[in-house]
Amino acid sequence: EAHSEFGGLRLNLKGRKKKTAKFYKRINKNVLSTYFGSKIALKTKRKCYNKFNTNTMENIETNATRETSLLDLPDLALETILEKLEPADLFKMASVSTYLRDVCLSEHLWKEHMKRKWGRIFGFVAQKEWQLHVASQKDVIGVVETRGFFSKLWPIMMFYDRKSIQPPDTCSSVSCYRALETGRFWFPAQVFNRENGHVGFVMSCYDAELNYDSHTDTFEARYPPHGTRAVATESGVTWDRLRKVHVDNSPHDLHISTCLDDLRPKDNIEIQWRRNKQFPYGWWYGVIGHLESCDANDTYCRCHQSDMVMLEFKQYAPGSRWRHMTIKRKNHHEEGNEIYGFYGGIKKLYNKDEISMWQPFWPNDILE
C-alpha cells in the first residue's frame, strides 16, 4: 500500500514537472517571438510560400523538378536585387506575394529612393510640412490615387486579400514618395530666377510651394502673395532651378544674421531683399566688397575691422543704384527705403557647392 502511494506521488510529481516545463517553454516562445517578431514572420511567410509552391508543382507534375524561384535566394541576395530596381518595378514586385510586399515596401529601400530623387530639393522644412499634412489627413491619406503610374499598380494589388494587402503606412518614406510623385502633396522649396527668369528677379531665389508633374518631369510653383496682388504661379519649372529651403522661417520674417563678424572682402553671400514691407523676402546673391576708403590692396585692407560692410552685386553695371549697398556690422536689422528696397538678413556661403549653385543663372549681359 505504501509502495502504491509512493508510486502515485511520483507520477503526480512527473505531471507537475511536465506542466512546469510546458509553461516555461510557452513563456520563452512568446519572448523570442516578440523579440524576433519581424524576422520570424517574414521567414514563416517565405517557408509557407515555398511549401505551397512545392506542393502545387508535385500535384501538377510529380516527376518534374521544381525550378529555382526568386524566393529561394538568400535574404542578402534578394535585397541586393531589390535595391537595383526602380520605384515602379518595386511596386510591381510588391503585388506578387505578401512576403515580397513587406520586403519591397521596407523603409530602408524607400529612404534611399527619396534621397536619390528628392534629397536635393526636399529638405527639413518640407519634411515638417509632410508630417503636418499626414496628421491632418489620417482618414484619407491611404486612399488609392487615380492618376500617375501608381494608379496602374494598386488595382493589381486589390485582387489579393484586403486584410493581407494594405496601403503602406502613411508616415513611411514610400507614402511620401508616392504623394510627391503623383502631385498630391505641395511642398516648400526655393526657385532661382522666378517667373521664367524675369529681369527683375535675376540672381535671386524665392520661396514657393511646388507641385510635381510626372508627365513633363517639371513643377508648378506657387509664390507667396506680393501685398494685395494675387498669388503668382509659374509652370514648367525645371529641376535645375530648385533647391531646398535652408531657413525655417516665413519669407516675410527677418533672418537673424550670425556671420556678420566673419565677413571679409570677396566673401560670397546671400542677403534678404524685398521691394517694400508688404512683399516677402527673396534671397539675392552678392559678394562683400571693399569700402570706398580702402584702396582694395589685400595686404593693407582693414575693411573687416570697420563697423560698415560693403555689399556688391556685380550682375549690375558700375554706377547702377543696385550695384552697392552698405550695412552696419553691429546691431544689423532691416535697412533701406521705398526707393532702394529693404535689405534684411545675411548668410555667408562657406563651401563651393553653395557658390556654384548660383553660377548657371549669371546673366549674359550686365544689368543696368
Foldseek 3Di string as FASTA:
>chain_A
DVVVVVVVVVVVVVVVVVVVVVVVVVVVVVVVCVVCVVVVVLVVQLVVVVVVVVVVCCVVPVVDDDDDDLSNDDPVVSLVVLLPDDLLVLLQQLLPDLSSVCSSQDQVSLVVVCCVPPVFWCDPQQLVVLVVVCVVQVPPLQDADCDDSVNVRVVSSVVDDPVSDGRDDCSGSVSVVVCQRRQVDWTKWKFQCPPVNPVVRFQWIAIWTWTADNVLQWIKTWGDDQAPDDIDIDTRHHPLGIGYDDDPDWLLDFDDADCLLVADFFFKKWWWWDLDNSGGTITGIWTWHADPVDPPDPVPGPRSVDQKTKTADFLADPPDPQGIDIFGSPPTAWDDDNVRTIIGYMDTDDDPVVVVSSVVRRDPHRHD
